[in-house]
Amino acid sequence: MAKITWKSGTMLAPLPPALISCGTMDKPNVMTAAWTGIVCTEPTLTYVSIRPSRYSNQLIRETGEFVINVPTVKLAKAVDLCGVKSGRQVDKFALAKITPAACDKISAPQVLEAPVSLECKVKEITSYGTHDVFLAEVVAVDIDDAYLTDAQALDLSKAGLLAYAHGFYYALGKQIGKFGWSVEKKSTKKKRAARLQAEKSGKVQKAKSQTLRLKKTAVKRKKAGEYGRK
């Protein structure tokens, strides 16, 4: 195996093809940007790089706010459409059949269908050649409760997250580990496996109990003559 050297280029991948929503609830706009990420933990800082010619660049400069919406496979076509159409000519929310929803801390809309949305306030704008970088603080995070566990922890394993690599969209594959798993002790692994199994068993038992209740209810209704009426 040998590597060859190319000239410098934007070869970092995969990236999240995030839906960047901006504007207001009265005049919402959304675009797709893969050049985004986390800068700092405390305070929580993020960024998005947008060409000056983009309509969203103008709106974010005017309002100082935007939302980073994490995409899923189900949103793939909407993600692509929002990356090739301009909000100057069309209502991309309507065209992509996605829903603008109010945020808690800012006036910009979020994408209702996204499992995670980061509400952001711009702190600094820096121009670097082809793109302007909007450095922003994450002031709130909106989570779809469908991806919360019983312990209220975020679990995106079933969300079907979307990734972008060199012009193509990909569905993220199966989970192969977690942070720190390469140095995890065997005793810790056993405890975690036992906990997961207990949670799974609890969910199965809960489902069985619910099915049994439904069957009992159906029997009672049948005896009461609620079924079979003409």
Protein backbone atom coordinates (compact mmCIF):
# COMPACT_ATOMS: atom_id res chain seq x y z
CA MET A 1 0.00 0.00 0.00
CA ALA A 2 1.29 3.45 -0.93
CA LYS A 3 -0.05 6.99 -0.70
CA ILE A 4 0.25 9.63 -3.39
CA THR A 5 0.25 13.37 -2.75
CA TRP A 6 -2.31 15.71 -4.33
CA LYS A 7 -2.48 19.48 -4.13
CA SER A 8 -4.41 21.02 -1.23
CA GLY A 9 -8.18 20.57 -1.34
CA THR A 10 -11.37 20.13 0.67
CA MET A 11 -10.93 16.40 1.23
CA LEU A 12 -12.10 16.13 4.83
CA ALA A 13 -15.02 13.70 5.06
CA PRO A 14 -17.55 12.56 6.10
CA LEU A 15 -19.35 15.72 7.15
CA PRO A 16 -22.92 16.46 8.26
CA PRO A 17 -24.90 18.04 5.38
CA ALA A 18 -26.71 20.21 7.91
CA LEU A 19 -29.83 22.21 7.20
CA ILE A 20 -29.03 25.78 8.22
CA SER A 21 -32.27 27.63 8.91
CA CYS A 22 -32.39 31.39 9.28
CA GLY A 23 -34.59 34.44 8.78
CA THR A 24 -37.77 34.63 10.84
CA MET A 25 -40.93 32.59 11.31
CA ASP A 26 -42.71 35.07 9.03
CA LYS A 27 -40.01 34.74 6.35
CA PRO A 28 -38.12 31.50 6.99
CA ASN A 29 -35.22 30.32 4.86
CA VAL A 30 -33.06 27.22 4.88
CA MET A 31 -29.88 26.12 3.10
CA THR A 32 -27.56 23.12 3.17
CA ALA A 33 -24.00 23.45 4.47
CA ALA A 34 -21.53 20.65 5.16
CA TRP A 35 -18.84 23.03 6.43
CA THR A 36 -19.92 23.26 10.04
CA GLY A 37 -18.72 21.88 13.37
CA ILE A 38 -17.89 22.45 17.02
CA VAL A 39 -15.18 24.93 18.04
CA CYS A 40 -15.34 24.91 21.85
CA THR A 41 -17.17 23.22 24.73
CA GLU A 42 -17.34 26.00 27.34
CA PRO A 43 -18.79 28.24 26.09
CA THR A 44 -20.37 26.03 23.45
CA LEU A 45 -19.19 27.53 20.18
CA THR A 46 -19.92 26.36 16.66
CA TYR A 47 -19.47 27.73 13.16
CA VAL A 48 -20.80 27.56 9.63
CA SER A 49 -18.97 28.63 6.47
CA ILE A 50 -21.15 30.23 3.79
CA ARG A 51 -20.29 31.90 0.49
CA PRO A 52 -21.05 35.66 0.43
CA SER A 53 -23.30 35.16 -2.61
CA ARG A 54 -25.71 32.94 -0.72
CA TYR A 55 -29.02 34.44 0.39
CA SER A 56 -28.60 32.86 3.84
CA ASN A 57 -25.33 34.77 4.28
CA GLN A 58 -27.26 38.03 3.94
CA LEU A 59 -30.04 36.93 6.31
CA ILE A 60 -27.68 35.72 9.02
CA ARG A 61 -25.72 38.97 8.82
CA GLU A 62 -28.97 40.91 9.29
CA THR A 63 -30.38 38.88 12.20
CA GLY A 64 -27.25 37.49 13.84
CA GLU A 65 -29.00 34.14 14.31
CA PHE A 66 -29.25 30.72 12.69
CA VAL A 67 -30.04 27.10 13.50
CA ILE A 68 -27.97 24.02 12.68
CA ASN A 69 -30.39 21.15 12.05
CA VAL A 70 -28.96 17.61 12.06
CA PRO A 71 -30.16 15.69 8.96
CA THR A 72 -31.49 12.14 8.64
CA VAL A 73 -31.78 9.77 5.69
CA LYS A 74 -35.49 10.59 5.47
CA LEU A 75 -34.51 14.23 4.92
CA ALA A 76 -31.94 13.42 2.21
CA LYS A 77 -33.94 14.78 -0.73
CA ALA A 78 -34.88 17.91 1.20
CA VAL A 79 -31.22 18.38 2.13
CA ASP A 80 -30.13 18.15 -1.50
CA LEU A 81 -32.91 20.43 -2.75
CA CYS A 82 -32.10 23.09 -0.16
CA GLY A 83 -28.52 23.03 -1.38
CA VAL A 84 -29.29 23.71 -5.04
CA LYS A 85 -32.22 26.15 -4.84
CA SER A 86 -32.07 29.78 -3.72
CA GLY A 87 -34.33 31.32 -1.10
CA ARG A 88 -34.36 34.51 -3.16
CA GLN A 89 -36.63 32.82 -5.71
CA VAL A 90 -38.54 30.14 -3.79
CA ASP A 91 -39.83 29.20 -0.36
CA LYS A 92 -37.53 26.25 0.26
CA PHE A 93 -39.42 25.08 3.34
CA ALA A 94 -42.54 24.64 1.22
CA LEU A 95 -40.66 23.25 -1.76
CA ALA A 96 -38.79 20.67 0.33
CA LYS A 97 -41.93 19.84 2.34
CA ILE A 98 -40.30 20.52 5.69
CA THR A 99 -41.74 22.52 8.56
CA PRO A 100 -40.43 25.74 10.14
CA ALA A 101 -40.91 25.68 13.91
CA ALA A 102 -40.32 28.34 16.53
CA CYS A 103 -37.15 28.26 18.62
CA ASP A 104 -36.93 28.88 22.35
CA LYS A 105 -34.07 31.40 22.52
CA ILE A 106 -33.88 32.98 19.06
CA SER A 107 -36.21 34.29 16.35
CA ALA A 108 -34.85 32.11 13.55
CA PRO A 109 -36.90 28.99 12.73
CA GLN A 110 -35.74 25.43 13.25
CA VAL A 111 -36.60 22.41 11.07
CA LEU A 112 -39.28 20.46 12.92
CA GLU A 113 -38.40 17.16 11.23
CA ALA A 114 -34.75 17.25 12.32
CA PRO A 115 -33.96 15.11 15.40
CA VAL A 116 -31.56 17.73 16.79
CA SER A 117 -31.51 21.50 16.23
CA LEU A 118 -28.87 23.87 17.63
CA GLU A 119 -30.03 27.44 18.21
CA CYS A 120 -27.11 29.78 17.51
CA LYS A 121 -26.27 33.45 18.04
CA VAL A 122 -23.47 34.93 15.96
CA LYS A 123 -20.48 36.25 17.87
CA GLU A 124 -18.06 37.00 15.05
CA ILE A 125 -17.91 36.99 11.24
CA THR A 126 -14.61 36.48 9.44
CA SER A 127 -14.08 36.44 5.68
CA TYR A 128 -11.65 33.87 4.28
CA GLY A 129 -11.43 33.99 0.49
CA THR A 130 -14.42 32.15 -0.96
CA HIS A 131 -16.33 31.81 2.32
CA ASP A 132 -17.42 33.80 5.36
CA VAL A 133 -17.15 31.99 8.69
CA PHE A 134 -19.95 32.68 11.18
CA LEU A 135 -18.68 31.88 14.68
CA ALA A 136 -21.65 31.47 17.00
CA GLU A 137 -22.64 30.41 20.50
CA VAL A 138 -25.10 27.55 20.89
CA VAL A 139 -27.73 29.05 23.20
CA ALA A 140 -30.17 26.12 23.16
CA VAL A 141 -30.54 22.61 21.76
CA ASP A 142 -33.92 21.23 20.67
CA ILE A 143 -34.33 17.44 20.77
CA ASP A 144 -37.03 15.22 19.26
CA ASP A 145 -38.29 13.27 22.30
CA ALA A 146 -38.69 10.19 20.10
CA TYR A 147 -34.95 9.68 20.51
CA LEU A 148 -34.84 9.96 24.30
CA THR A 149 -34.40 6.85 26.42
CA ASP A 150 -36.34 6.14 29.61
CA ALA A 151 -33.45 7.83 31.43
CA GLN A 152 -33.92 10.90 29.19
CA ALA A 153 -30.57 10.31 27.46
CA LEU A 154 -30.22 11.03 23.74
CA ASP A 155 -30.05 7.90 21.56
CA LEU A 156 -29.74 8.62 17.83
CA SER A 157 -28.99 5.01 16.87
CA LYS A 158 -32.40 4.68 15.20
CA ALA A 159 -32.52 8.14 13.65
CA GLY A 160 -30.73 7.14 10.44
CA LEU A 161 -28.28 10.03 10.35
CA LEU A 162 -27.04 11.37 7.03
CA ALA A 163 -23.42 12.02 6.03
CA TYR A 164 -21.79 13.80 3.09
CA ALA A 165 -18.47 12.86 1.45
CA HIS A 166 -16.99 14.42 -1.68
CA GLY A 167 -20.27 15.17 -3.47
CA PHE A 168 -22.26 12.13 -2.33
CA TYR A 169 -24.73 11.41 0.48
CA TYR A 170 -24.37 8.36 2.72
CA ALA A 171 -26.43 6.72 5.46
CA LEU A 172 -24.31 6.20 8.57
CA GLY A 173 -23.63 2.53 9.31
CA LYS A 174 -23.99 0.47 12.45
CA GLN A 175 -22.53 1.50 15.78
CA ILE A 176 -19.21 -0.25 16.43
CA GLY A 177 -18.22 1.26 19.76
CA LYS A 178 -18.40 4.26 22.06
CA PHE A 179 -15.94 6.86 23.30
CA GLY A 180 -13.23 5.11 25.33
CA TRP A 181 -14.24 1.56 24.39
CA SER A 182 -10.71 0.71 23.22
CA VAL A 183 -9.40 0.96 26.80
CA GLU A 184 -12.53 -0.14 28.67
CA LYS A 185 -12.07 -2.74 31.42
CA LYS A 186 -13.73 -6.14 31.03
CA SER A 187 -15.68 -5.63 34.25
CA THR A 188 -17.08 -2.34 32.91
CA LYS A 189 -18.05 -4.01 29.63
CA LYS A 190 -19.90 -6.76 31.51
CA LYS A 191 -21.78 -4.23 33.66
CA ARG A 192 -22.76 -2.19 30.59
CA ALA A 193 -23.89 -5.32 28.71
CA ALA A 194 -25.95 -6.43 31.73
CA ARG A 195 -27.53 -2.98 31.99
CA LEU A 196 -28.43 -2.95 28.30
CA GLN A 197 -29.89 -6.44 28.55
CA ALA A 198 -31.96 -5.41 31.57
CA GLU A 199 -33.27 -2.38 29.69
CA LYS A 200 -34.12 -4.56 26.69
CA SER A 201 -35.90 -7.12 28.88
CA GLY A 202 -37.83 -4.33 30.57
CA LYS A 203 -39.01 -2.99 27.22
CA VAL A 204 -40.03 -6.47 26.06
CA GLN A 205 -41.95 -7.08 29.29
CA LYS A 206 -43.62 -3.67 28.97
CA ALA A 207 -44.70 -4.48 25.41
CA LYS A 208 -46.07 -7.89 26.50
CA SER A 209 -48.02 -6.27 29.32
CA GLN A 210 -49.48 -3.71 26.98
CA THR A 211 -50.50 -6.42 24.49
CA LEU A 212 -52.14 -8.40 27.29
CA ARG A 213 -54.08 -5.35 28.44
CA LEU A 214 -55.30 -4.73 24.89
CA LYS A 215 -56.44 -8.34 24.57
CA LYS A 216 -58.32 -8.17 27.89
CA THR A 217 -59.96 -4.92 26.81
CA ALA A 218 -61.00 -6.49 23.49
CA VAL A 219 -62.52 -9.48 25.29
CA LYS A 220 -64.50 -7.21 27.61
CA ARG A 221 -65.79 -5.15 24.68
CA LYS A 222 -66.77 -8.29 22.81
CA LYS A 223 -68.70 -9.59 25.80
CA ALA A 224 -70.37 -6.21 26.12
CA GLY A 225 -71.51 -6.43 22.50
CA GLU A 226 -69.40 -3.61 21.16
CA TYR A 227 -68.09 -5.77 18.30
CA GLY A 228 -70.10 -7.54 15.63
CA ARG A 229 -72.85 -4.94 15.45
CA LYS A 230 -74.49 -4.43 12.05
